[in-house]
Structure formats: structure tokens, C-alpha cells
């Protein structure tokens, strides 16, 4: 597990949600010129998930995406229904990203399972410590797949966000996947070497992250 994705209508509301819900202020993130988005980050590393963070992401109103006009931003951020839900209900956990040593091999492993995770894109953003570079799978339609429970794949360069993120007092204790197609999800995770993650059958899809925080133990639920 590399990071959790929390979608917000704007970064200000995302920061307020984080402080109110988790009792911690997210650190500065940066801009993503490729997608026209920007973020704030919170270190949630723990013994079980030693290099993990929570990303609060929003469309950057002052930036234009450079992807083709027919394409969509990552994480279903251009989906009108999801946008309306976030606008009405506030920031929400919508997805997760898995770090893999070879993103092309991971993409091929999913393709062998009949799951098209999308092409591998190269992305970067400047940070005070140097350029942050990564390769990530993004479908042209921007879809997360399996209601956000199937992870996006990422392969980092020399730097990782957690290398410079301060401890936040928030730690990820468990990540649970629930889906009507749990066997498909479990096979996909196993093909990626993520077999330790549990995928259980449920009538309604749900991504659930259990966290210890300064305000006690809580669970973020994608529903």
C-alpha cells in the first residue's frame, strides 16, 4: 500500500476535513501539471505499512491539464456523479495506490487477469528536496475500476514522498477491500504480490482504512 486517495472539491475543504476528522494538518504537497491537479499529504506510515501516506487531491482551478482533450484525469476526478457527491457530502476516501517494483510488469499481470489498468504515464513535480518522479497507470477514461478497490499502480524514482514527510500522529493499521466481485479483486491483488490484503464479498463495494489518530481509532469508509 503506497497511499490512500481522498478526493476534495478544493484543497481548503480537504485540509479542514483532515484537521476535523483525523486531528492532523496535512503537509504541503504540490501541483501535477500533467493532470491539472494539486494535493496535500499526510504521513500515515506504521509498522504494518512502513511507507504510506494519505493524499488529499483536488482539481487545481488555476492550472490546465496537458493530457489529450478526449482523456480524463486520474482517479475518476472528472466523473460528474462523483464530483456532485463530493460537493454535497465533503471529502471522501475514493481509491488507493499500490507501489510496485516494475509498473509495466504489474500492468501486464493485471492484463492477464482481464483487467486493463491503462497505459503507464511518466509524471513529476518539483519539491524543496528535488524533483519527485514516478510512473503510474492511468486509463484514458480515468476510471479507477472495481469501484476504486482495484489499486492504481505506481513505481517511484529515487525519491518517495515519505522521505520528507514529518510524522503526523496518524498511522494506517489496516486496509480492507469489500466488493461483489471479491474473487476477481483477490486474484488481481495476488497477481501483484499483494495477497496479504483481504478482499471479502459484500453486496456494496467499499474501501475501508483503519487508522489510529490523535483523536482515537477511526475508520475511513469509501461509502
Protein backbone atom coordinates (compact mmCIF):
# COMPACT_ATOMS: atom_id res chain seq x y z
CA UNK A 1 0.00 0.00 0.00
CA UNK A 2 1.57 3.24 -1.13
CA UNK A 3 -1.12 5.81 -0.48
CA UNK A 4 -4.78 6.46 0.15
CA UNK A 5 -6.60 8.90 -2.13
CA UNK A 6 -9.07 11.33 -0.59
CA UNK A 7 -10.89 13.47 -3.15
CA UNK A 8 -11.95 17.00 -2.22
CA UNK A 9 -13.78 19.74 -4.10
CA UNK A 10 -10.85 22.03 -3.26
CA UNK A 11 -7.76 21.80 -1.10
CA UNK A 12 -9.07 24.20 1.57
CA UNK A 13 -12.04 21.95 2.30
CA UNK A 14 -9.72 18.94 2.19
CA UNK A 15 -7.39 20.42 4.80
CA UNK A 16 -10.34 21.34 7.02
CA UNK A 17 -11.71 17.81 6.71
CA UNK A 18 -8.33 16.33 7.65
CA UNK A 19 -7.94 18.52 10.73
CA UNK A 20 -11.53 17.89 11.81
CA UNK A 21 -11.56 14.14 11.14
CA UNK A 22 -8.00 12.99 11.78
CA UNK A 23 -6.78 15.67 14.17
CA UNK A 24 -3.75 16.47 11.99
CA UNK A 25 -2.80 19.13 9.46
CA UNK A 26 -1.53 17.76 6.15
CA UNK A 27 1.86 18.87 4.89
CA UNK A 28 2.35 20.83 1.70
CA UNK A 29 2.13 18.78 -1.46
CA UNK A 30 2.43 20.21 -4.93
CA UNK A 31 0.97 20.59 -8.39
CA UNK A 32 0.58 17.95 -11.11
CA UNK A 33 0.94 19.74 -14.47
CA UNK A 34 0.09 16.55 -16.33
CA UNK A 35 -3.41 16.34 -14.85
CA UNK A 36 -4.12 19.88 -13.70
CA UNK A 37 -4.48 18.78 -10.08
CA UNK A 38 -2.76 19.54 -6.79
CA UNK A 39 -2.54 17.90 -3.38
CA UNK A 40 -1.69 17.94 0.32
CA UNK A 41 -0.06 14.94 2.02
CA UNK A 42 -0.23 13.27 5.43
CA UNK A 43 2.26 10.64 6.57
CA UNK A 44 0.31 7.57 7.80
CA UNK A 45 3.24 5.13 7.93
CA UNK A 46 3.03 2.35 10.51
CA UNK A 47 4.71 -0.95 11.35
CA UNK A 48 2.28 -2.73 9.03
CA UNK A 49 2.55 -0.11 6.30
CA UNK A 50 6.05 1.35 6.70
CA UNK A 51 5.98 3.81 3.79
CA UNK A 52 2.43 5.06 3.37
CA UNK A 53 0.71 8.39 3.13
CA UNK A 54 -2.73 9.90 2.63
CA UNK A 55 -3.18 12.18 -0.36
CA UNK A 56 -5.84 14.88 -0.38
CA UNK A 57 -6.27 15.77 -4.04
CA UNK A 58 -8.39 18.31 -5.92
CA UNK A 59 -8.63 19.83 -9.36
CA UNK A 60 -6.38 22.89 -9.49
CA UNK A 61 -8.57 25.77 -10.70
CA UNK A 62 -5.52 27.76 -11.79
CA UNK A 63 -3.99 25.08 -13.99
CA UNK A 64 -4.85 23.31 -17.21
CA UNK A 65 -4.27 19.64 -17.83
CA UNK A 66 -1.86 18.74 -20.64
CA UNK A 67 -3.37 15.31 -21.33
CA UNK A 68 -5.34 14.98 -24.60
CA UNK A 69 -8.71 16.72 -24.54
CA UNK A 70 -10.50 13.39 -25.03
CA UNK A 71 -8.87 11.91 -21.92
CA UNK A 72 -9.88 12.26 -18.28
CA UNK A 73 -7.95 12.93 -15.09
CA UNK A 74 -6.80 10.10 -12.85
CA UNK A 75 -8.96 8.64 -10.05
CA UNK A 76 -12.30 9.44 -11.80
CA UNK A 77 -11.83 13.10 -10.87
CA UNK A 78 -13.78 14.22 -13.97
CA UNK A 79 -16.74 11.93 -13.22
CA UNK A 80 -19.78 14.21 -12.82
CA UNK A 81 -21.55 11.90 -10.36
CA UNK A 82 -18.51 11.61 -8.11
CA UNK A 83 -17.93 15.36 -8.29
CA UNK A 84 -21.52 16.01 -7.21
CA UNK A 85 -21.21 13.60 -4.28
CA UNK A 86 -18.01 15.27 -3.07
CA UNK A 87 -19.56 18.73 -3.45
CA UNK A 88 -22.61 17.72 -1.42
CA UNK A 89 -21.05 15.42 1.18
CA UNK A 90 -17.48 16.69 1.50
CA UNK A 91 -14.09 14.99 1.04
CA UNK A 92 -14.08 11.20 0.90
CA UNK A 93 -11.76 8.24 0.56
CA UNK A 94 -12.19 7.10 -3.05
CA UNK A 95 -9.18 5.00 -4.02
CA UNK A 96 -5.77 3.59 -3.15
CA UNK A 97 -2.44 3.26 -4.93
CA UNK A 98 -0.08 0.30 -4.72
CA UNK A 99 3.69 0.66 -5.13
CA UNK A 100 5.26 -1.99 -7.36
CA UNK A 101 8.93 -2.55 -8.30
CA UNK A 102 8.08 -2.80 -12.02
CA UNK A 103 4.92 -0.98 -13.07
CA UNK A 104 4.96 -2.43 -16.60
CA UNK A 105 5.11 -5.96 -15.19
CA UNK A 106 2.30 -5.15 -12.77
CA UNK A 107 0.17 -3.80 -15.58
CA UNK A 108 0.83 -6.98 -17.58
CA UNK A 109 -0.12 -9.14 -14.59
CA UNK A 110 -3.48 -7.39 -14.37
CA UNK A 111 -3.99 -7.64 -18.12
CA UNK A 112 -3.53 -11.40 -17.80
CA UNK A 113 -6.45 -11.31 -15.36
CA UNK A 114 -8.57 -9.45 -17.93
CA UNK A 115 -8.16 -6.08 -16.17
CA UNK A 116 -6.97 -3.11 -18.22
CA UNK A 117 -5.28 -0.81 -15.72
CA UNK A 118 -4.33 1.58 -18.51
CA UNK A 119 -1.04 2.74 -20.01
CA UNK A 120 1.95 3.76 -17.92
CA UNK A 121 2.48 7.53 -17.75
CA UNK A 122 5.57 9.36 -16.54
CA UNK A 123 4.83 12.17 -14.09
CA UNK A 124 6.81 14.50 -11.86
CA UNK A 125 6.59 17.56 -9.65
CA UNK A 126 9.23 19.78 -8.04
CA UNK A 127 9.78 19.66 -4.27
CA UNK A 128 12.18 21.54 -1.96
CA UNK A 129 14.26 18.35 -1.77
CA UNK A 130 14.43 17.83 -5.52
CA UNK A 131 12.31 16.52 -8.36
CA UNK A 132 9.79 13.85 -7.42
CA UNK A 133 9.36 11.42 -10.31
CA UNK A 134 7.13 8.41 -10.78
CA UNK A 135 5.48 6.13 -13.32
CA UNK A 136 1.77 5.47 -12.88
CA UNK A 137 -1.02 3.60 -14.63
CA UNK A 138 -3.83 5.88 -15.83
CA UNK A 139 -6.63 4.81 -18.11
CA UNK A 140 -7.59 7.34 -20.83
CA UNK A 141 -11.11 7.37 -19.35
CA UNK A 142 -9.68 7.97 -15.86
CA UNK A 143 -11.63 5.07 -14.33
CA UNK A 144 -10.47 3.57 -11.05
CA UNK A 145 -12.04 0.13 -11.79
CA UNK A 146 -13.92 -2.14 -9.38
CA UNK A 147 -15.40 0.92 -7.68
CA UNK A 148 -12.00 2.17 -6.54
CA UNK A 149 -11.00 -1.10 -4.87
CA UNK A 150 -8.55 -2.17 -7.59
CA UNK A 151 -5.40 -0.14 -6.98
CA UNK A 152 -3.71 2.20 -9.38
CA UNK A 153 -0.07 1.09 -9.79
CA UNK A 154 2.89 3.36 -9.15
CA UNK A 155 6.65 2.98 -9.44
CA UNK A 156 8.70 5.69 -7.75
CA UNK A 157 12.05 7.05 -8.84
CA UNK A 158 14.83 7.82 -6.39
CA UNK A 159 12.60 9.83 -4.05
CA UNK A 160 9.39 8.96 -2.24
CA UNK A 161 7.05 11.48 -0.58
CA UNK A 162 7.50 9.80 2.82
CA UNK A 163 11.22 10.56 2.67
CA UNK A 164 10.44 14.16 3.63
CA UNK A 165 7.01 13.95 5.26
CA UNK A 166 7.01 14.57 9.03
CA UNK A 167 5.30 12.15 11.39
CA UNK A 168 1.67 13.17 11.79
CA UNK A 169 0.46 11.07 14.72
CA UNK A 170 -1.82 9.22 12.28
CA UNK A 171 -0.98 5.63 11.37
CA UNK A 172 -2.62 3.22 8.94
CA UNK A 173 -3.41 -0.01 10.77
CA UNK A 174 -5.37 -1.96 8.17
CA UNK A 175 -6.79 -1.71 4.67
CA UNK A 176 -9.84 -3.77 3.79
CA UNK A 177 -11.47 -4.34 0.41
CA UNK A 178 -15.12 -5.33 0.07
CA UNK A 179 -16.74 -5.97 -3.29
CA UNK A 180 -19.38 -8.14 -5.01
CA UNK A 181 -16.53 -9.38 -7.24
CA UNK A 182 -14.19 -10.16 -4.36
CA UNK A 183 -12.65 -13.24 -6.05
CA UNK A 184 -11.63 -11.11 -9.04
CA UNK A 185 -10.18 -8.49 -6.73
CA UNK A 186 -8.33 -11.08 -4.64
CA UNK A 187 -6.81 -12.70 -7.74
CA UNK A 188 -5.68 -9.31 -9.00
CA UNK A 189 -4.04 -8.45 -5.69
CA UNK A 190 -2.33 -11.84 -5.59
CA UNK A 191 -1.01 -11.33 -9.14
CA UNK A 192 0.53 -8.05 -7.96
CA UNK A 193 2.12 -9.65 -4.90
CA UNK A 194 -0.45 -8.02 -2.59
CA UNK A 195 -2.02 -11.24 -1.39
CA UNK A 196 -1.78 -10.19 2.26
CA UNK A 197 -4.59 -7.69 1.69
CA UNK A 198 -8.02 -9.11 2.41
CA UNK A 199 -10.83 -8.92 -0.14
CA UNK A 200 -14.22 -10.04 1.10
CA UNK A 201 -17.53 -10.43 -0.67
CA UNK A 202 -20.12 -7.75 0.06
CA UNK A 203 -23.25 -6.52 -1.66
CA UNK A 204 -21.90 -2.96 -1.80
CA UNK A 205 -18.31 -2.09 -2.80
CA UNK A 206 -16.27 -0.50 -0.05
CA UNK A 207 -12.69 0.54 0.56
CA UNK A 208 -12.04 0.82 4.31
CA UNK A 209 -8.92 2.19 6.01
CA UNK A 210 -8.48 1.75 9.78
CA UNK A 211 -6.34 4.48 11.35
CA UNK A 212 -5.02 5.37 14.77
CA UNK A 213 -5.10 9.15 15.21
CA UNK A 214 -4.62 11.80 17.91
CA UNK A 215 -8.41 11.64 18.28
CA UNK A 216 -8.52 7.89 18.70
CA UNK A 217 -9.08 4.92 16.44
CA UNK A 218 -11.32 5.51 13.41
CA UNK A 219 -12.21 4.08 10.04
CA UNK A 220 -12.44 5.89 6.73
CA UNK A 221 -15.10 4.34 4.53
CA UNK A 222 -15.40 4.98 0.79
CA UNK A 223 -19.18 4.77 1.07
